[in-house]
Amino acid sequence: MFERLNRDVNCILERDPAARSRLEVFTCYPGLHALTLHRIAHACWVAEWRWLGRFISHISRWLTGIEIHPGARIAPGVFIDHGMGVVIGETAEISEGCTIYQGVTLGGTSLTKGAKRHPTLGKGVVVGAGAQILGGFEVGDGAKVGSNAVVTKPVPPGATAVGNPARIIVADADAQREEAASKMGFSAYGVTQSDDPVSQAMRGLIDSAASQEHQIAMLWQALEKLQKGERVDALPADAAKQEQFEADKLNQLMD
């Protein structure tokens, strides 16, 4: 019990730059208080003292604003930052190294008793403020869930889930789009879902700008060869032969 408490305190000191001392963490962090009371409630739950476990959970919710069902399994080294409004369901599992911000719900979508209804968070998962993760699936190690995202399907390890409903950013095209957008001072994480017309328009503009940069770079390479007296036999295979930017389609999306 004391070893787990020590690990919980250490993880807060490591991850929160506002934490100044162990005394401050121990006395002023509701996330730590909620987890400590949950350890006791969970022990009662496992020992078949179900009412007592629920009662301790209820008191913890009243004191901290964090609701954790006594049946939930939470590893040491989990950090609930701020914590107000966090709800963690009965069959939820949280691995070590996870960070959960305020307003997060680890909820269920099934009404079947005894079934795995709530999500499992792998090691080192970060869940942003207001995110909702709903269902008995797994969020892989090192994954990130953006603020206010609504996740209803598994998230692969190391991926990022953003938007409502959440889209998973793992594909090469998404990674390239994010890299191109960052050069223009715009974050593609702000793009929510592909069925949003504004989202589609922004993604089209980003893809077009990235394609134009690539074509311009190939033209400069060809010009440099010509200046040096070298022969340019053929354009690269990925060189654009015709205009591909569909301005009319983007205008229709924005109307």
Protein backbone atom coordinates (compact mmCIF):
# COMPACT_ATOMS: atom_id res chain seq x y z
CA MET A 1 0.00 0.00 0.00
CA PHE A 2 2.71 2.49 1.01
CA GLU A 3 4.89 1.44 -1.94
CA ARG A 4 2.07 2.19 -4.37
CA LEU A 5 1.39 5.51 -2.65
CA ASN A 6 5.07 6.41 -2.98
CA ARG A 7 5.02 5.56 -6.70
CA ASP A 8 1.88 7.66 -7.19
CA VAL A 9 3.52 10.64 -5.48
CA ASN A 10 6.72 10.23 -7.50
CA CYS A 11 4.85 10.12 -10.82
CA ILE A 12 3.09 13.40 -9.97
CA LEU A 13 6.40 15.06 -9.12
CA GLU A 14 7.83 13.83 -12.43
CA ARG A 15 4.92 14.86 -14.68
CA ASP A 16 3.51 18.03 -13.11
CA PRO A 17 5.80 21.08 -13.20
CA ALA A 18 3.49 22.81 -10.72
CA ALA A 19 4.26 20.21 -8.01
CA ARG A 20 6.83 21.72 -5.63
CA SER A 21 7.16 19.17 -2.84
CA ARG A 22 6.02 15.77 -1.64
CA LEU A 23 4.02 17.45 1.14
CA GLU A 24 2.14 19.58 -1.39
CA VAL A 25 1.39 16.55 -3.55
CA PHE A 26 0.26 14.45 -0.60
CA THR A 27 -2.06 17.12 0.82
CA CYS A 28 -3.31 19.11 -2.19
CA TYR A 29 -3.77 16.71 -5.13
CA PRO A 30 -7.32 15.26 -5.38
CA GLY A 31 -6.18 12.75 -8.01
CA LEU A 32 -3.81 11.18 -5.49
CA HIS A 33 -6.53 11.15 -2.81
CA ALA A 34 -9.00 9.50 -5.21
CA LEU A 35 -6.50 6.79 -6.17
CA THR A 36 -5.57 6.11 -2.54
CA LEU A 37 -9.20 5.70 -1.53
CA HIS A 38 -9.76 3.57 -4.63
CA ARG A 39 -7.06 1.12 -3.50
CA ILE A 40 -9.02 0.60 -0.28
CA ALA A 41 -12.37 0.37 -2.07
CA HIS A 42 -10.95 -2.09 -4.62
CA ALA A 43 -9.57 -4.31 -1.84
CA CYS A 44 -13.04 -4.41 -0.29
CA TRP A 45 -14.57 -5.20 -3.67
CA VAL A 46 -12.19 -8.09 -4.29
CA ALA A 47 -12.90 -9.40 -0.77
CA GLU A 48 -16.64 -9.51 -1.66
CA TRP A 49 -17.42 -6.56 0.65
CA ARG A 50 -19.24 -4.92 -2.21
CA TRP A 51 -21.37 -2.42 -0.28
CA LEU A 52 -18.37 -1.15 1.69
CA GLY A 53 -16.36 -0.76 -1.51
CA ARG A 54 -19.16 1.23 -3.13
CA PHE A 55 -19.57 3.38 -0.01
CA ILE A 56 -15.86 4.26 0.10
CA SER A 57 -16.05 5.06 -3.63
CA HIS A 58 -19.04 7.31 -2.96
CA ILE A 59 -17.20 9.17 -0.17
CA SER A 60 -14.19 9.56 -2.46
CA ARG A 61 -16.38 11.06 -5.17
CA TRP A 62 -17.89 13.52 -2.68
CA LEU A 63 -14.44 14.60 -1.43
CA THR A 64 -12.53 14.76 -4.74
CA GLY A 65 -15.05 15.10 -7.58
CA ILE A 66 -13.58 11.93 -9.13
CA GLU A 67 -15.78 8.85 -9.51
CA ILE A 68 -13.96 5.52 -9.72
CA HIS A 69 -15.92 2.29 -9.48
CA PRO A 70 -14.31 -0.03 -6.91
CA GLY A 71 -14.15 -2.81 -9.50
CA ALA A 72 -11.82 -0.84 -11.80
CA ARG A 73 -8.20 -2.00 -11.99
CA ILE A 74 -5.64 0.80 -11.77
CA ALA A 75 -1.89 0.17 -11.76
CA PRO A 76 0.58 2.23 -9.72
CA GLY A 77 2.08 5.31 -11.33
CA VAL A 78 -1.19 6.65 -12.78
CA PHE A 79 -1.62 10.44 -12.65
CA ILE A 80 -5.10 12.01 -12.59
CA ASP A 81 -4.40 15.71 -13.09
CA HIS A 82 -6.97 18.17 -11.66
CA GLY A 83 -9.48 15.33 -11.90
CA MET A 84 -12.82 17.09 -11.44
CA GLY A 85 -15.49 15.21 -13.38
CA VAL A 86 -13.42 12.09 -14.14
CA VAL A 87 -15.56 8.92 -14.30
CA ILE A 88 -13.98 5.45 -14.47
CA GLY A 89 -16.28 2.46 -14.91
CA GLU A 90 -16.36 -0.96 -13.27
CA THR A 91 -14.48 -3.03 -15.85
CA ALA A 92 -11.98 -0.33 -16.84
CA GLU A 93 -8.27 -1.18 -16.64
CA ILE A 94 -5.54 1.47 -16.49
CA SER A 95 -1.89 0.50 -16.88
CA GLU A 96 1.08 2.23 -15.28
CA GLY A 97 2.33 5.53 -16.62
CA CYS A 98 -1.07 6.78 -17.80
CA THR A 99 -2.06 10.43 -17.45
CA ILE A 100 -5.73 11.39 -17.28
CA TYR A 101 -6.97 14.98 -17.24
CA GLN A 102 -10.21 16.49 -15.94
CA GLY A 103 -13.60 15.60 -17.35
CA VAL A 104 -12.54 12.25 -18.82
CA THR A 105 -15.02 9.36 -18.98
CA LEU A 106 -13.96 5.73 -19.32
CA GLY A 107 -17.47 4.46 -19.92
CA GLY A 108 -19.37 1.52 -21.30
CA THR A 109 -21.85 0.99 -24.10
CA SER A 110 -23.15 -2.45 -23.13
CA LEU A 111 -25.80 -3.28 -20.53
CA THR A 112 -24.68 -6.91 -20.14
CA LYS A 113 -23.72 -7.66 -16.54
CA GLY A 114 -20.35 -9.32 -16.09
CA ALA A 115 -19.14 -8.41 -19.58
CA LYS A 116 -16.11 -6.27 -20.36
CA ARG A 117 -17.91 -2.96 -20.88
CA HIS A 118 -15.22 -0.36 -20.25
CA PRO A 119 -11.90 0.41 -21.98
CA THR A 120 -8.38 -0.78 -21.19
CA LEU A 121 -5.61 1.81 -21.31
CA GLY A 122 -2.13 0.52 -22.14
CA LYS A 123 1.08 1.83 -20.63
CA GLY A 124 1.84 5.52 -20.97
CA VAL A 125 -1.51 6.54 -22.48
CA VAL A 126 -2.41 10.24 -22.25
CA VAL A 127 -6.11 11.17 -22.22
CA GLY A 128 -6.86 14.86 -22.75
CA ALA A 129 -9.45 16.92 -20.86
CA GLY A 130 -13.06 16.10 -21.63
CA ALA A 131 -12.32 13.00 -23.70
CA GLN A 132 -14.86 10.17 -23.74
CA ILE A 133 -13.61 6.61 -24.29
CA LEU A 134 -16.64 4.35 -24.55
CA GLY A 135 -16.58 0.56 -24.92
CA GLY A 136 -14.69 -2.55 -23.93
CA PHE A 137 -11.74 -2.13 -26.28
CA GLU A 138 -8.05 -1.32 -25.83
CA VAL A 139 -6.14 1.91 -26.21
CA GLY A 140 -2.60 0.79 -27.07
CA ASP A 141 0.63 1.63 -25.27
CA GLY A 142 1.81 5.19 -25.73
CA ALA A 143 -1.37 6.32 -27.50
CA LYS A 144 -2.82 9.81 -27.06
CA VAL A 145 -6.47 10.82 -26.97
CA GLY A 146 -7.11 14.48 -27.75
CA SER A 147 -9.22 16.79 -25.62
CA ASN A 148 -12.99 16.31 -26.11
CA ALA A 149 -12.45 13.34 -28.44
CA VAL A 150 -15.14 10.64 -28.44
CA VAL A 151 -13.45 7.27 -28.96
CA THR A 152 -15.61 4.24 -29.74
CA LYS A 153 -13.08 1.90 -31.37
CA PRO A 154 -9.60 0.55 -30.52
CA VAL A 155 -6.61 2.88 -30.77
CA PRO A 156 -3.34 1.28 -31.98
CA PRO A 157 -0.16 1.71 -29.90
CA GLY A 158 1.48 5.09 -30.40
CA ALA A 159 -1.45 6.51 -32.39
CA THR A 160 -3.42 9.68 -31.72
CA ALA A 161 -7.23 9.85 -31.62
CA VAL A 162 -8.88 13.24 -32.20
CA GLY A 163 -12.34 14.56 -32.99
CA ASN A 164 -15.95 13.50 -32.49
CA PRO A 165 -16.28 10.72 -33.46
CA ALA A 166 -12.55 10.20 -33.12
CA ARG A 167 -10.37 9.48 -36.13
CA ILE A 168 -7.11 7.64 -35.67
CA ILE A 169 -3.98 9.38 -36.94
CA VAL A 170 -1.60 6.56 -37.91
CA ALA A 171 -1.68 6.32 -41.72
CA ASP A 172 1.23 7.63 -43.79
CA ALA A 173 -1.07 10.09 -45.56
CA ASP A 174 -2.17 11.59 -42.25
CA ALA A 175 1.42 11.79 -41.02
CA GLN A 176 2.52 13.54 -44.22
CA ARG A 177 -0.44 15.92 -43.99
CA GLU A 178 0.44 16.79 -40.42
CA GLU A 179 4.07 17.45 -41.37
CA ALA A 180 3.03 19.66 -44.29
CA ALA A 181 0.51 21.52 -42.13
CA SER A 182 3.06 22.22 -39.41
CA LYS A 183 5.28 23.98 -41.99
CA MET A 184 2.39 26.31 -42.80
CA GLY A 185 1.68 27.07 -39.15
CA PHE A 186 -1.52 25.03 -39.06
CA SER A 187 -2.07 21.89 -37.03
CA ALA A 188 -3.99 19.12 -38.75
CA TYR A 189 -5.05 17.95 -35.28
CA GLY A 190 -7.55 20.78 -35.49
CA VAL A 191 -9.18 18.94 -38.39
CA THR A 192 -11.86 16.82 -36.84
CA GLN A 193 -13.70 14.34 -39.04
CA SER A 194 -13.78 13.57 -42.75
CA ASP A 195 -17.55 14.09 -42.95
CA ASP A 196 -17.19 17.74 -41.89
CA PRO A 197 -17.20 19.95 -45.05
CA VAL A 198 -14.75 22.45 -43.55
CA SER A 199 -12.54 19.55 -42.50
CA GLN A 200 -12.54 18.12 -46.03
CA ALA A 201 -11.77 21.51 -47.53
CA MET A 202 -8.84 22.10 -45.20
CA ARG A 203 -7.46 18.64 -45.84
CA GLY A 204 -7.75 19.21 -49.59
CA LEU A 205 -5.89 22.52 -49.32
CA ILE A 206 -3.13 20.97 -47.23
CA ASP A 207 -2.71 18.04 -49.64
CA SER A 208 -2.67 20.43 -52.62
CA ALA A 209 -0.04 22.68 -51.03
CA ALA A 210 2.16 19.70 -50.21
CA SER A 211 1.82 18.38 -53.78
CA GLN A 212 2.73 21.78 -55.26
CA GLU A 213 5.85 21.98 -53.08
CA HIS A 214 6.89 18.55 -54.36
CA GLN A 215 6.33 19.52 -58.01
CA ILE A 216 8.26 22.79 -57.60
CA ALA A 217 11.17 20.91 -56.02
CA MET A 218 11.30 18.55 -59.04
CA LEU A 219 11.25 21.49 -61.46
CA TRP A 220 14.19 23.11 -59.66
CA GLN A 221 16.12 19.85 -59.86
CA ALA A 222 15.50 19.71 -63.62
CA LEU A 223 16.58 23.35 -64.07
CA GLU A 224 19.77 22.75 -62.12
CA LYS A 225 20.62 19.84 -64.40
CA LEU A 226 20.01 22.01 -67.48
CA GLN A 227 22.24 24.78 -66.09
CA LYS A 228 25.03 22.27 -65.65
CA GLY A 229 24.61 21.12 -69.25
CA GLU A 230 23.18 17.79 -68.20
CA ARG A 231 20.44 16.12 -70.24
CA VAL A 232 16.96 15.77 -68.79
CA ASP A 233 15.62 12.68 -70.51
CA ALA A 234 12.26 12.36 -68.75
CA LEU A 235 10.28 13.73 -65.86
CA PRO A 236 10.09 11.63 -62.69
CA ALA A 237 7.32 9.07 -62.55
CA ASP A 238 5.38 11.06 -59.94
CA ALA A 239 5.47 14.35 -61.88
CA ALA A 240 2.03 15.83 -62.44
CA LYS A 241 0.96 15.71 -66.12
CA GLN A 242 -2.22 17.77 -65.64
CA GLU A 243 -3.93 20.01 -63.12
CA GLN A 244 -5.38 17.98 -60.24
CA PHE A 245 -6.55 20.70 -57.86
CA GLU A 246 -10.37 20.58 -57.77
CA ALA A 247 -11.27 24.15 -56.80
CA ASP A 248 -14.95 23.74 -57.75
CA LYS A 249 -15.32 20.74 -55.46
CA LEU A 250 -13.83 22.64 -52.53
CA ASN A 251 -16.13 25.59 -53.20
CA GLN A 252 -19.14 23.28 -53.15
CA LEU A 253 -18.03 21.87 -49.78
CA MET A 254 -17.82 25.35 -48.32
CA ASP A 255 -21.25 26.49 -49.65
